[in-house]
Amino acid sequence: MDIIQRNATTPFITKDGSEIRELMAYRNSCIRNLSLAEAILPAGAATQEHYHTGTDEVYYILQGRARMRVGGEERAVGPLDAVAIPANQRHNIINTGDEPLVFLCCCAPAYEHDNTVMTV
């Protein structure tokens, strides 16, 4: 069993422009087939549209309000909403609130910069 404290992780900026902390992945735990990260997006900010080749992703909103775009669909999301993002689907999220948007990102297989394709 591995237990990773959030504050023991180092935040970094992903290709889409969000700040994340990788909480669990093969890089820091015994987990091999997925990754879990916390993402923070400042008020008024948005991630750049992108997709992940061969990687399914789930966003779980903890704090804030946003507009989520996946493929051709756009919907409002907020705390306790889970969003399914199938592999190879263009997506981005826009913080529509006046506080930081905080959400968890789960990727299977694990997040990699190399399988993130920017669309703009």
PDB file of N, CA and C in Angstrom:
ATOM      1  N   MET A   1       0.843  -1.180   0.000  1.00  0.00           N
ATOM      2  CA  MET A   1       0.000   0.000   0.000  1.00  0.00           C
ATOM      3  C   MET A   1       0.880   1.232   0.000  1.00  0.00           C
ATOM      4  N   ASP A   2       0.516   2.203  -0.828  1.00  0.00           N
ATOM      5  CA  ASP A   2       1.186   3.497  -0.851  1.00  0.00           C
ATOM      6  C   ASP A   2       0.201   4.562  -0.406  1.00  0.00           C
ATOM      7  N   ILE A   3       0.670   5.488   0.400  1.00  0.00           N
ATOM      8  CA  ILE A   3      -0.111   6.657   0.800  1.00  0.00           C
ATOM      9  C   ILE A   3       0.733   7.872   0.472  1.00  0.00           C
ATOM     10  N   ILE A   4       0.190   8.742  -0.360  1.00  0.00           N
ATOM     11  CA  ILE A   4       0.909   9.937  -0.790  1.00  0.00           C
ATOM     12  C   ILE A   4       0.180  11.152  -0.220  1.00  0.00           C
ATOM     13  N   GLN A   5       0.868  11.966   0.524  1.00  0.00           N
ATOM     14  CA  GLN A   5       0.299  13.214   1.024  1.00  0.00           C
ATOM     15  C   GLN A   5       0.345  14.273  -0.077  1.00  0.00           C
ATOM     16  N   ARG A   6      -0.759  14.970  -0.281  1.00  0.00           N
ATOM     17  CA  ARG A   6      -0.836  15.996  -1.316  1.00  0.00           C
ATOM     18  C   ARG A   6       0.324  16.975  -1.224  1.00  0.00           C
ATOM     19  N   ASN A   7       0.624  17.456  -0.037  1.00  0.00           N
ATOM     20  CA  ASN A   7       1.667  18.462   0.125  1.00  0.00           C
ATOM     21  C   ASN A   7       3.079  17.916  -0.092  1.00  0.00           C
ATOM     22  N   ALA A   8       3.199  16.611  -0.236  1.00  0.00           N
ATOM     23  CA  ALA A   8       4.500  16.010  -0.530  1.00  0.00           C
ATOM     24  C   ALA A   8       4.745  15.935  -2.036  1.00  0.00           C
ATOM     25  N   THR A   9       3.762  16.337  -2.831  1.00  0.00           N
ATOM     26  CA  THR A   9       3.912  16.311  -4.285  1.00  0.00           C
ATOM     27  C   THR A   9       4.262  17.705  -4.796  1.00  0.00           C
ATOM     28  N   THR A  10       4.902  17.743  -5.940  1.00  0.00           N
ATOM     29  CA  THR A  10       5.325  19.009  -6.538  1.00  0.00           C
ATOM     30  C   THR A  10       4.402  19.360  -7.703  1.00  0.00           C
ATOM     31  N   PRO A  11       3.776  20.539  -7.672  1.00  0.00           N
ATOM     32  CA  PRO A  11       2.905  20.900  -8.792  1.00  0.00           C
ATOM     33  C   PRO A  11       3.709  21.187 -10.061  1.00  0.00           C
ATOM     34  N   PHE A  12       3.078  20.950 -11.218  1.00  0.00           N
ATOM     35  CA  PHE A  12       3.692  21.305 -12.495  1.00  0.00           C
ATOM     36  C   PHE A  12       2.596  21.698 -13.466  1.00  0.00           C
ATOM     37  N   ILE A  13       2.972  22.366 -14.537  1.00  0.00           N
ATOM     38  CA  ILE A  13       2.019  22.821 -15.547  1.00  0.00           C
ATOM     39  C   ILE A  13       1.977  21.792 -16.676  1.00  0.00           C
ATOM     40  N   THR A  14       0.773  21.342 -17.005  1.00  0.00           N
ATOM     41  CA  THR A  14       0.603  20.379 -18.087  1.00  0.00           C
ATOM     42  C   THR A  14       0.593  21.102 -19.433  1.00  0.00           C
ATOM     43  N   LYS A  15       0.592  20.339 -20.507  1.00  0.00           N
ATOM     44  CA  LYS A  15       0.573  20.931 -21.849  1.00  0.00           C
ATOM     45  C   LYS A  15      -0.672  21.781 -22.087  1.00  0.00           C
ATOM     46  N   ASP A  16      -1.787  21.447 -21.418  1.00  0.00           N
ATOM     47  CA  ASP A  16      -3.027  22.211 -21.634  1.00  0.00           C
ATOM     48  C   ASP A  16      -3.099  23.489 -20.802  1.00  0.00           C
ATOM     49  N   GLY A  17      -2.123  23.718 -19.924  1.00  0.00           N
ATOM     50  CA  GLY A  17      -2.050  24.960 -19.173  1.00  0.00           C
ATOM     51  C   GLY A  17      -2.545  24.901 -17.747  1.00  0.00           C
ATOM     52  N   SER A  18      -3.014  23.747 -17.285  1.00  0.00           N
ATOM     53  CA  SER A  18      -3.469  23.656 -15.899  1.00  0.00           C
ATOM     54  C   SER A  18      -2.308  23.272 -14.982  1.00  0.00           C
ATOM     55  N   GLU A  19      -2.445  23.676 -13.723  1.00  0.00           N
ATOM     56  CA  GLU A  19      -1.451  23.280 -12.716  1.00  0.00           C
ATOM     57  C   GLU A  19      -1.954  22.012 -12.049  1.00  0.00           C
ATOM     58  N   ILE A  20      -1.142  20.971 -12.061  1.00  0.00           N
ATOM     59  CA  ILE A  20      -1.570  19.726 -11.431  1.00  0.00           C
ATOM     60  C   ILE A  20      -0.529  19.230 -10.432  1.00  0.00           C
ATOM     61  N   ARG A  21      -1.011  18.414  -9.533  1.00  0.00           N
ATOM     62  CA  ARG A  21      -0.175  17.647  -8.615  1.00  0.00           C
ATOM     63  C   ARG A  21      -0.516  16.186  -8.862  1.00  0.00           C
ATOM     64  N   GLU A  22       0.439  15.425  -9.286  1.00  0.00           N
ATOM     65  CA  GLU A  22       0.193  14.000  -9.503  1.00  0.00           C
ATOM     66  C   GLU A  22       0.187  13.313  -8.138  1.00  0.00           C
ATOM     67  N   LEU A  23      -0.984  12.833  -7.747  1.00  0.00           N
ATOM     68  CA  LEU A  23      -1.141  12.206  -6.439  1.00  0.00           C
ATOM     69  C   LEU A  23      -0.752  10.733  -6.460  1.00  0.00           C
ATOM     70  N   MET A  24      -1.103  10.041  -7.543  1.00  0.00           N
ATOM     71  CA  MET A  24      -0.774   8.620  -7.685  1.00  0.00           C
ATOM     72  C   MET A  24      -0.552   8.286  -9.148  1.00  0.00           C
ATOM     73  N   ALA A  25       0.524   7.580  -9.409  1.00  0.00           N
ATOM     74  CA  ALA A  25       0.837   7.063 -10.741  1.00  0.00           C
ATOM     75  C   ALA A  25       2.036   6.135 -10.592  1.00  0.00           C
ATOM     76  N   TYR A  26       2.442   5.522 -11.682  1.00  0.00           N
ATOM     77  CA  TYR A  26       3.596   4.629 -11.627  1.00  0.00           C
ATOM     78  C   TYR A  26       4.867   5.371 -11.243  1.00  0.00           C
ATOM     79  N   ARG A  27       4.886   6.685 -11.433  1.00  0.00           N
ATOM     80  CA  ARG A  27       6.090   7.461 -11.116  1.00  0.00           C
ATOM     81  C   ARG A  27       6.330   7.616  -9.624  1.00  0.00           C
ATOM     82  N   ASN A  28       5.269   7.447  -8.808  1.00  0.00           N
ATOM     83  CA  ASN A  28       5.457   7.667  -7.372  1.00  0.00           C
ATOM     84  C   ASN A  28       4.762   6.634  -6.490  1.00  0.00           C
ATOM     85  N   SER A  29       4.242   5.534  -7.087  1.00  0.00           N
ATOM     86  CA  SER A  29       3.526   4.538  -6.285  1.00  0.00           C
ATOM     87  C   SER A  29       3.556   3.177  -6.966  1.00  0.00           C
ATOM     88  N   CYS A  30       2.857   2.235  -6.352  1.00  0.00           N
ATOM     89  CA  CYS A  30       2.763   0.886  -6.912  1.00  0.00           C
ATOM     90  C   CYS A  30       1.698   0.781  -8.002  1.00  0.00           C
ATOM     91  N   ILE A  31       0.930   1.843  -8.228  1.00  0.00           N
ATOM     92  CA  ILE A  31      -0.110   1.868  -9.262  1.00  0.00           C
ATOM     93  C   ILE A  31       0.547   1.850 -10.643  1.00  0.00           C
ATOM     94  N   ARG A  32       0.037   1.038 -11.550  1.00  0.00           N
ATOM     95  CA  ARG A  32       0.655   0.909 -12.870  1.00  0.00           C
ATOM     96  C   ARG A  32      -0.259   1.273 -14.032  1.00  0.00           C
ATOM     97  N   ASN A  33      -1.590   1.216 -13.864  1.00  0.00           N
ATOM     98  CA  ASN A  33      -2.494   1.326 -15.002  1.00  0.00           C
ATOM     99  C   ASN A  33      -3.338   2.591 -15.055  1.00  0.00           C
ATOM    100  N   LEU A  34      -3.114   3.517 -14.118  1.00  0.00           N
ATOM    101  CA  LEU A  34      -3.853   4.767 -14.144  1.00  0.00           C
ATOM    102  C   LEU A  34      -3.084   5.816 -13.366  1.00  0.00           C
ATOM    103  N   SER A  35      -3.577   7.054 -13.420  1.00  0.00           N
ATOM    104  CA  SER A  35      -3.002   8.118 -12.604  1.00  0.00           C
ATOM    105  C   SER A  35      -4.128   8.951 -12.014  1.00  0.00           C
ATOM    106  N   LEU A  36      -3.844   9.568 -10.881  1.00  0.00           N
ATOM    107  CA  LEU A  36      -4.783  10.467 -10.223  1.00  0.00           C
ATOM    108  C   LEU A  36      -4.040  11.747  -9.897  1.00  0.00           C
ATOM    109  N   ALA A  37      -4.611  12.881 -10.321  1.00  0.00           N
ATOM    110  CA  ALA A  37      -3.974  14.166 -10.073  1.00  0.00           C
ATOM    111  C   ALA A  37      -5.018  15.174  -9.625  1.00  0.00           C
ATOM    112  N   GLU A  38      -4.559  16.173  -8.872  1.00  0.00           N
ATOM    113  CA  GLU A  38      -5.391  17.316  -8.526  1.00  0.00           C
ATOM    114  C   GLU A  38      -5.015  18.448  -9.468  1.00  0.00           C
ATOM    115  N   ALA A  39      -6.026  19.086 -10.055  1.00  0.00           N
ATOM    116  CA  ALA A  39      -5.786  20.226 -10.946  1.00  0.00           C
ATOM    117  C   ALA A  39      -6.410  21.472 -10.344  1.00  0.00           C
ATOM    118  N   ILE A  40      -5.739  22.602 -10.544  1.00  0.00           N
ATOM    119  CA  ILE A  40      -6.250  23.895 -10.096  1.00  0.00           C
ATOM    120  C   ILE A  40      -6.196  24.856 -11.280  1.00  0.00           C
ATOM    121  N   LEU A  41      -7.320  25.509 -11.521  1.00  0.00           N
ATOM    122  CA  LEU A  41      -7.433  26.468 -12.618  1.00  0.00           C
ATOM    123  C   LEU A  41      -7.950  27.779 -12.023  1.00  0.00           C
ATOM    124  N   PRO A  42      -7.184  28.868 -12.149  1.00  0.00           N
ATOM    125  CA  PRO A  42      -7.595  30.142 -11.550  1.00  0.00           C
ATOM    126  C   PRO A  42      -8.923  30.650 -12.112  1.00  0.00           C
ATOM    127  N   ALA A  43      -9.566  31.532 -11.362  1.00  0.00           N
ATOM    128  CA  ALA A  43     -10.818  32.160 -11.809  1.00  0.00           C
ATOM    129  C   ALA A  43     -10.622  32.790 -13.180  1.00  0.00           C
ATOM    130  N   GLY A  44     -11.568  32.527 -14.094  1.00  0.00           N
ATOM    131  CA  GLY A  44     -11.526  33.097 -15.431  1.00  0.00           C
ATOM    132  C   GLY A  44     -10.600  32.396 -16.407  1.00  0.00           C
ATOM    133  N   ALA A  45      -9.833  31.428 -15.952  1.00  0.00           N
ATOM    134  CA  ALA A  45      -8.876  30.735 -16.821  1.00  0.00           C
ATOM    135  C   ALA A  45      -9.531  29.530 -17.507  1.00  0.00           C
ATOM    136  N   ALA A  46      -8.875  29.039 -18.544  1.00  0.00           N
ATOM    137  CA  ALA A  46      -9.344  27.866 -19.289  1.00  0.00           C
ATOM    138  C   ALA A  46      -8.152  27.032 -19.699  1.00  0.00           C
ATOM    139  N   THR A  47      -8.369  25.730 -19.813  1.00  0.00           N
ATOM    140  CA  THR A  47      -7.334  24.892 -20.394  1.00  0.00           C
ATOM    141  C   THR A  47      -7.420  25.022 -21.902  1.00  0.00           C
ATOM    142  N   GLN A  48      -6.322  24.752 -22.586  1.00  0.00           N
ATOM    143  CA  GLN A  48      -6.325  24.743 -24.044  1.00  0.00           C
ATOM    144  C   GLN A  48      -6.965  23.443 -24.520  1.00  0.00           C
ATOM    145  N   GLU A  49      -7.719  23.532 -25.614  1.00  0.00           N
ATOM    146  CA  GLU A  49      -8.348  22.326 -26.149  1.00  0.00           C
ATOM    147  C   GLU A  49      -7.275  21.313 -26.537  1.00  0.00           C
ATOM    148  N   HIS A  50      -7.533  20.049 -26.194  1.00  0.00           N
ATOM    149  CA  HIS A  50      -6.572  18.981 -26.454  1.00  0.00           C
ATOM    150  C   HIS A  50      -7.296  17.638 -26.391  1.00  0.00           C
ATOM    151  N   TYR A  51      -6.576  16.575 -26.687  1.00  0.00           N
ATOM    152  CA  TYR A  51      -7.089  15.222 -26.464  1.00  0.00           C
ATOM    153  C   TYR A  51      -5.917  14.330 -26.096  1.00  0.00           C
ATOM    154  N   HIS A  52      -6.250  13.160 -25.576  1.00  0.00           N
ATOM    155  CA  HIS A  52      -5.232  12.188 -25.161  1.00  0.00           C
ATOM    156  C   HIS A  52      -5.391  10.931 -26.008  1.00  0.00           C
ATOM    157  N   THR A  53      -4.343  10.559 -26.717  1.00  0.00           N
ATOM    158  CA  THR A  53      -4.405   9.366 -27.564  1.00  0.00           C
ATOM    159  C   THR A  53      -4.426   8.120 -26.674  1.00  0.00           C
ATOM    160  N   GLY A  54      -5.485   7.326 -26.822  1.00  0.00           N
ATOM    161  CA  GLY A  54      -5.571   6.055 -26.117  1.00  0.00           C
ATOM    162  C   GLY A  54      -5.775   6.140 -24.618  1.00  0.00           C
ATOM    163  N   THR A  55      -6.134   7.312 -24.087  1.00  0.00           N
ATOM    164  CA  THR A  55      -6.293   7.467 -22.641  1.00  0.00           C
ATOM    165  C   THR A  55      -7.685   7.986 -22.312  1.00  0.00           C
ATOM    166  N   ASP A  56      -8.429   7.230 -21.510  1.00  0.00           N
ATOM    167  CA  ASP A  56      -9.692   7.705 -20.960  1.00  0.00           C
ATOM    168  C   ASP A  56      -9.391   8.575 -19.752  1.00  0.00           C
ATOM    169  N   GLU A  57     -10.249   9.574 -19.527  1.00  0.00           N
ATOM    170  CA  GLU A  57     -10.014  10.503 -18.428  1.00  0.00           C
ATOM    171  C   GLU A  57     -11.342  10.800 -17.728  1.00  0.00           C
ATOM    172  N   VAL A  58     -11.276  10.997 -16.422  1.00  0.00           N
ATOM    173  CA  VAL A  58     -12.427  11.428 -15.638  1.00  0.00           C
ATOM    174  C   VAL A  58     -12.012  12.665 -14.855  1.00  0.00           C
ATOM    175  N   TYR A  59     -12.832  13.714 -14.929  1.00  0.00           N
ATOM    176  CA  TYR A  59     -12.666  14.892 -14.066  1.00  0.00           C
ATOM    177  C   TYR A  59     -13.714  14.785 -12.970  1.00  0.00           C
ATOM    178  N   TYR A  60     -13.306  15.039 -11.731  1.00  0.00           N
ATOM    179  CA  TYR A  60     -14.239  15.075 -10.604  1.00  0.00           C
ATOM    180  C   TYR A  60     -14.093  16.442  -9.944  1.00  0.00           C
ATOM    181  N   ILE A  61     -15.120  17.265 -10.034  1.00  0.00           N
ATOM    182  CA  ILE A  61     -15.062  18.648  -9.563  1.00  0.00           C
ATOM    183  C   ILE A  61     -15.215  18.687  -8.046  1.00  0.00           C
ATOM    184  N   LEU A  62     -14.242  19.327  -7.391  1.00  0.00           N
ATOM    185  CA  LEU A  62     -14.269  19.480  -5.936  1.00  0.00           C
ATOM    186  C   LEU A  62     -14.748  20.870  -5.519  1.00  0.00           C
ATOM    187  N   GLN A  63     -14.327  21.892  -6.258  1.00  0.00           N
ATOM    188  CA  GLN A  63     -14.627  23.279  -5.885  1.00  0.00           C
ATOM    189  C   GLN A  63     -14.718  24.137  -7.132  1.00  0.00           C
ATOM    190  N   GLY A  64     -15.692  25.040  -7.163  1.00  0.00           N
ATOM    191  CA  GLY A  64     -15.811  25.991  -8.253  1.00  0.00           C
ATOM    192  C   GLY A  64     -16.864  25.601  -9.275  1.00  0.00           C
ATOM    193  N   ARG A  65     -17.021  26.459 -10.264  1.00  0.00           N
ATOM    194  CA  ARG A  65     -17.981  26.276 -11.354  1.00  0.00           C
ATOM    195  C   ARG A  65     -17.251  26.403 -12.677  1.00  0.00           C
ATOM    196  N   ALA A  66     -17.707  25.637 -13.674  1.00  0.00           N
ATOM    197  CA  ALA A  66     -17.006  25.641 -14.954  1.00  0.00           C
ATOM    198  C   ALA A  66     -17.937  25.262 -16.085  1.00  0.00           C
ATOM    199  N   ARG A  67     -17.453  25.478 -17.322  1.00  0.00           N
ATOM    200  CA  ARG A  67     -18.064  24.957 -18.543  1.00  0.00           C
ATOM    201  C   ARG A  67     -17.118  23.895 -19.058  1.00  0.00           C
ATOM    202  N   MET A  68     -17.643  22.711 -19.270  1.00  0.00           N
ATOM    203  CA  MET A  68     -16.848  21.585 -19.750  1.00  0.00           C
ATOM    204  C   MET A  68     -17.235  21.306 -21.183  1.00  0.00           C
ATOM    205  N   ARG A  69     -16.232  21.204 -22.057  1.00  0.00           N
ATOM    206  CA  ARG A  69     -16.455  20.849 -23.460  1.00  0.00           C
ATOM    207  C   ARG A  69     -15.798  19.501 -23.727  1.00  0.00           C
ATOM    208  N   VAL A  70     -16.585  18.587 -24.271  1.00  0.00           N
ATOM    209  CA  VAL A  70     -16.071  17.277 -24.691  1.00  0.00           C
ATOM    210  C   VAL A  70     -16.679  16.991 -26.053  1.00  0.00           C
ATOM    211  N   GLY A  71     -15.810  16.807 -27.055  1.00  0.00           N
ATOM    212  CA  GLY A  71     -16.320  16.627 -28.413  1.00  0.00           C
ATOM    213  C   GLY A  71     -17.111  17.853 -28.801  1.00  0.00           C
ATOM    214  N   GLY A  72     -18.319  17.681 -29.281  1.00  0.00           N
ATOM    215  CA  GLY A  72     -19.160  18.796 -29.679  1.00  0.00           C
ATOM    216  C   GLY A  72     -20.135  19.247 -28.606  1.00  0.00           C
ATOM    217  N   GLU A  73     -20.026  18.712 -27.398  1.00  0.00           N
ATOM    218  CA  GLU A  73     -20.979  19.027 -26.338  1.00  0.00           C
ATOM    219  C   GLU A  73     -20.345  19.934 -25.283  1.00  0.00           C
ATOM    220  N   GLU A  74     -21.124  20.880 -24.760  1.00  0.00           N
ATOM    221  CA  GLU A  74     -20.669  21.776 -23.696  1.00  0.00           C
ATOM    222  C   GLU A  74     -21.721  21.823 -22.610  1.00  0.00           C
ATOM    223  N   ARG A  75     -21.279  21.670 -21.339  1.00  0.00           N
ATOM    224  CA  ARG A  75     -22.222  21.676 -20.212  1.00  0.00           C
ATOM    225  C   ARG A  75     -21.606  22.355 -19.008  1.00  0.00           C
ATOM    226  N   ALA A  76     -22.471  22.893 -18.146  1.00  0.00           N
ATOM    227  CA  ALA A  76     -22.033  23.479 -16.881  1.00  0.00           C
ATOM    228  C   ALA A  76     -21.720  22.342 -15.900  1.00  0.00           C
ATOM    229  N   VAL A  77     -20.658  22.525 -15.119  1.00  0.00           N
ATOM    230  CA  VAL A  77     -20.288  21.551 -14.099  1.00  0.00           C
ATOM    231  C   VAL A  77     -19.938  22.285 -12.807  1.00  0.00           C
ATOM    232  N   GLY A  78     -20.072  21.563 -11.701  1.00  0.00           N
ATOM    233  CA  GLY A  78     -19.755  22.133 -10.405  1.00  0.00           C
ATOM    234  C   GLY A  78     -19.417  21.039  -9.413  1.00  0.00           C
ATOM    235  N   PRO A  79     -19.300  21.394  -8.132  1.00  0.00           N
ATOM    236  CA  PRO A  79     -18.879  20.438  -7.110  1.00  0.00           C
ATOM    237  C   PRO A  79     -19.693  19.147  -7.128  1.00  0.00           C
ATOM    238  N   LEU A  80     -18.984  18.041  -7.014  1.00  0.00           N
ATOM    239  CA  LEU A  80     -19.489  16.675  -6.954  1.00  0.00           C
ATOM    240  C   LEU A  80     -19.921  16.124  -8.308  1.00  0.00           C
ATOM    241  N   ASP A  81     -19.651  16.867  -9.406  1.00  0.00           N
ATOM    242  CA  ASP A  81     -19.908  16.347 -10.750  1.00  0.00           C
ATOM    243  C   ASP A  81     -18.692  15.560 -11.233  1.00  0.00           C
ATOM    244  N   ALA A  82     -18.944  14.421 -11.867  1.00  0.00           N
ATOM    245  CA  ALA A  82     -17.900  13.625 -12.519  1.00  0.00           C
ATOM    246  C   ALA A  82     -18.146  13.689 -14.022  1.00  0.00           C
ATOM    247  N   VAL A  83     -17.084  13.928 -14.782  1.00  0.00           N
ATOM    248  CA  VAL A  83     -17.184  14.091 -16.235  1.00  0.00           C
ATOM    249  C   VAL A  83     -16.354  13.003 -16.911  1.00  0.00           C
ATOM    250  N   ALA A  84     -16.979  12.213 -17.780  1.00  0.00           N
ATOM    251  CA  ALA A  84     -16.283  11.187 -18.554  1.00  0.00           C
ATOM    252  C   ALA A  84     -15.746  11.799 -19.836  1.00  0.00           C
ATOM    253  N   ILE A  85     -14.454  11.578 -20.079  1.00  0.00           N
ATOM    254  CA  ILE A  85     -13.800  12.083 -21.289  1.00  0.00           C
ATOM    255  C   ILE A  85     -13.158  10.884 -21.994  1.00  0.00           C
ATOM    256  N   PRO A  86     -13.818  10.347 -23.009  1.00  0.00           N
ATOM    257  CA  PRO A  86     -13.255   9.185 -23.705  1.00  0.00           C
ATOM    258  C   PRO A  86     -11.941   9.515 -24.411  1.00  0.00           C
ATOM    259  N   ALA A  87     -11.131   8.514 -24.597  1.00  0.00           N
ATOM    260  CA  ALA A  87      -9.872   8.666 -25.340  1.00  0.00           C
ATOM    261  C   ALA A  87     -10.149   9.307 -26.691  1.00  0.00           C
ATOM    262  N   ASN A  88      -9.216  10.138 -27.127  1.00  0.00           N
ATOM    263  CA  ASN A  88      -9.234  10.773 -28.439  1.00  0.00           C
ATOM    264  C   ASN A  88     -10.335  11.817 -28.633  1.00  0.00           C
ATOM    265  N   GLN A  89     -11.022  12.227 -27.565  1.00  0.00           N
ATOM    266  CA  GLN A  89     -12.053  13.263 -27.647  1.00  0.00           C
ATOM    267  C   GLN A  89     -11.461  14.623 -27.270  1.00  0.00           C
ATOM    268  N   ARG A  90     -11.635  15.607 -28.154  1.00  0.00           N
ATOM    269  CA  ARG A  90     -11.191  16.971 -27.848  1.00  0.00           C
ATOM    270  C   ARG A  90     -11.944  17.471 -26.625  1.00  0.00           C
ATOM    271  N   HIS A  91     -11.228  18.161 -25.730  1.00  0.00           N
ATOM    272  CA  HIS A  91     -11.892  18.698 -24.548  1.00  0.00           C
ATOM    273  C   HIS A  91     -11.113  19.864 -23.957  1.00  0.00           C
ATOM    274  N   ASN A  92     -11.840  20.666 -23.198  1.00  0.00           N
ATOM    275  CA  ASN A  92     -11.230  21.697 -22.364  1.00  0.00           C
ATOM    276  C   ASN A  92     -12.239  22.106 -21.307  1.00  0.00           C
ATOM    277  N   ILE A  93     -11.752  22.814 -20.301  1.00  0.00           N
ATOM    278  CA  ILE A  93     -12.613  23.264 -19.212  1.00  0.00           C
ATOM    279  C   ILE A  93     -12.327  24.737 -18.965  1.00  0.00           C
ATOM    280  N   ILE A  94     -13.401  25.503 -18.719  1.00  0.00           N
ATOM    281  CA  ILE A  94     -13.306  26.946 -18.528  1.00  0.00           C
ATOM    282  C   ILE A  94     -13.844  27.265 -17.136  1.00  0.00           C
ATOM    283  N   ASN A  95     -13.043  27.886 -16.304  1.00  0.00           N
ATOM    284  CA  ASN A  95     -13.482  28.288 -14.978  1.00  0.00           C
ATOM    285  C   ASN A  95     -14.392  29.506 -15.131  1.00  0.00           C
ATOM    286  N   THR A  96     -15.673  29.342 -14.826  1.00  0.00           N
ATOM    287  CA  THR A  96     -16.645  30.428 -14.963  1.00  0.00           C
ATOM    288  C   THR A  96     -16.932  31.116 -13.638  1.00  0.00           C
ATOM    289  N   GLY A  97     -16.277  30.670 -12.580  1.00  0.00           N
ATOM    290  CA  GLY A  97     -16.527  31.239 -11.262  1.00  0.00           C
ATOM    291  C   GLY A  97     -15.517  32.303 -10.879  1.00  0.00           C
ATOM    292  N   ASP A  98     -15.653  32.782  -9.644  1.00  0.00           N
ATOM    293  CA  ASP A  98     -14.745  33.806  -9.138  1.00  0.00           C
ATOM    294  C   ASP A  98     -13.780  33.254  -8.088  1.00  0.00           C
ATOM    295  N   GLU A  99     -13.634  31.943  -8.071  1.00  0.00           N
ATOM    296  CA  GLU A  99     -12.684  31.269  -7.180  1.00  0.00           C
ATOM    297  C   GLU A  99     -11.931  30.225  -7.997  1.00  0.00           C
ATOM    298  N   PRO A 100     -10.817  29.711  -7.468  1.00  0.00           N
ATOM    299  CA  PRO A 100     -10.113  28.659  -8.209  1.00  0.00           C
ATOM    300  C   PRO A 100     -11.019  27.441  -8.428  1.00  0.00           C
ATOM    301  N   LEU A 101     -10.902  26.842  -9.590  1.00  0.00           N
ATOM    302  CA  LEU A 101     -11.570  25.585  -9.895  1.00  0.00           C
ATOM    303  C   LEU A 101     -10.612  24.476  -9.479  1.00  0.00           C
ATOM    304  N   VAL A 102     -11.073  23.584  -8.621  1.00  0.00           N
ATOM    305  CA  VAL A 102     -10.249  22.483  -8.142  1.00  0.00           C
ATOM    306  C   VAL A 102     -10.944  21.180  -8.527  1.00  0.00           C
ATOM    307  N   PHE A 103     -10.212  20.307  -9.221  1.00  0.00           N
ATOM    308  CA  PHE A 103     -10.810  19.046  -9.625  1.00  0.00           C
ATOM    309  C   PHE A 103      -9.750  17.954  -9.666  1.00  0.00           C
ATOM    310  N   LEU A 104     -10.222  16.721  -9.553  1.00  0.00           N
ATOM    311  CA  LEU A 104      -9.352  15.555  -9.683  1.00  0.00           C
ATOM    312  C   LEU A 104      -9.416  15.064 -11.115  1.00  0.00           C
ATOM    313  N   CYS A 105      -8.280  14.598 -11.631  1.00  0.00           N
ATOM    314  CA  CYS A 105      -8.184  14.005 -12.965  1.00  0.00           C
ATOM    315  C   CYS A 105      -7.681  12.584 -12.810  1.00  0.00           C
ATOM    316  N   CYS A 106      -8.459  11.648 -13.284  1.00  0.00           N
ATOM    317  CA  CYS A 106      -8.032  10.248 -13.285  1.00  0.00           C
ATOM    318  C   CYS A 106      -7.859   9.823 -14.733  1.00  0.00           C
ATOM    319  N   CYS A 107      -6.682   9.309 -15.076  1.00  0.00           N
ATOM    320  CA  CYS A 107      -6.373   8.878 -16.444  1.00  0.00           C
ATOM    321  C   CYS A 107      -6.020   7.400 -16.463  1.00  0.00           C
ATOM    322  N   ALA A 108      -6.548   6.685 -17.459  1.00  0.00           N
ATOM    323  CA  ALA A 108      -6.205   5.276 -17.638  1.00  0.00           C
ATOM    324  C   ALA A 108      -5.957   5.029 -19.118  1.00  0.00           C
ATOM    325  N   PRO A 109      -4.740   4.633 -19.506  1.00  0.00           N
ATOM    326  CA  PRO A 109      -3.546   4.544 -18.664  1.00  0.00           C
ATOM    327  C   PRO A 109      -3.105   5.914 -18.153  1.00  0.00           C
ATOM    328  N   ALA A 110      -2.043   5.934 -17.375  1.00  0.00           N
ATOM    329  CA  ALA A 110      -1.569   7.129 -16.686  1.00  0.00           C
ATOM    330  C   ALA A 110      -1.315   8.295 -17.635  1.00  0.00           C
ATOM    331  N   TYR A 111      -1.502   9.522 -17.109  1.00  0.00           N
ATOM    332  CA  TYR A 111      -1.230  10.735 -17.866  1.00  0.00           C
ATOM    333  C   TYR A 111       0.221  10.754 -18.339  1.00  0.00           C
ATOM    334  N   GLU A 112       0.398  11.171 -19.581  1.00  0.00           N
ATOM    335  CA  GLU A 112       1.731  11.374 -20.157  1.00  0.00           C
ATOM    336  C   GLU A 112       1.679  12.635 -21.022  1.00  0.00           C
ATOM    337  N   HIS A 113       2.697  13.463 -20.929  1.00  0.00           N
ATOM    338  CA  HIS A 113       2.778  14.611 -21.829  1.00  0.00           C
ATOM    339  C   HIS A 113       2.757  14.140 -23.290  1.00  0.00           C
ATOM    340  N   ASP A 114       3.430  13.034 -23.572  1.00  0.00           N
ATOM    341  CA  ASP A 114       3.596  12.568 -24.943  1.00  0.00           C
ATOM    342  C   ASP A 114       2.294  12.126 -25.617  1.00  0.00           C
ATOM    343  N   ASN A 115       1.260  11.744 -24.848  1.00  0.00           N
ATOM    344  CA  ASN A 115       0.019  11.344 -25.508  1.00  0.00           C
ATOM    345  C   ASN A 115      -1.045  12.445 -25.430  1.00  0.00           C
ATOM    346  N   THR A 116      -0.607  13.661 -25.086  1.00  0.00           N
ATOM    347  CA  THR A 116      -1.486  14.829 -25.066  1.00  0.00           C
ATOM    348  C   THR A 116      -1.276  15.597 -26.363  1.00  0.00           C
ATOM    349  N   VAL A 117      -2.330  15.736 -27.145  1.00  0.00           N
ATOM    350  CA  VAL A 117      -2.244  16.399 -28.444  1.00  0.00           C
ATOM    351  C   VAL A 117      -3.037  17.705 -28.367  1.00  0.00           C
ATOM    352  N   MET A 118      -2.343  18.819 -28.598  1.00  0.00           N
ATOM    353  CA  MET A 118      -2.988  20.125 -28.591  1.00  0.00           C
ATOM    354  C   MET A 118      -3.705  20.321 -29.927  1.00  0.00           C
ATOM    355  N   THR A 119      -4.905  20.903 -29.897  1.00  0.00           N
ATOM    356  CA  THR A 119      -5.687  21.066 -31.127  1.00  0.00           C
ATOM    357  C   THR A 119      -5.673  22.493 -31.648  1.00  0.00           C
ATOM    358  N   VAL A 120      -5.138  23.428 -30.902  1.00  0.00           N
ATOM    359  CA  VAL A 120      -5.065  24.824 -31.358  1.00  0.00           C
ATOM    360  C   VAL A 120      -3.631  25.296 -31.377  1.00  0.00           C
TER     361      VAL A 120
END
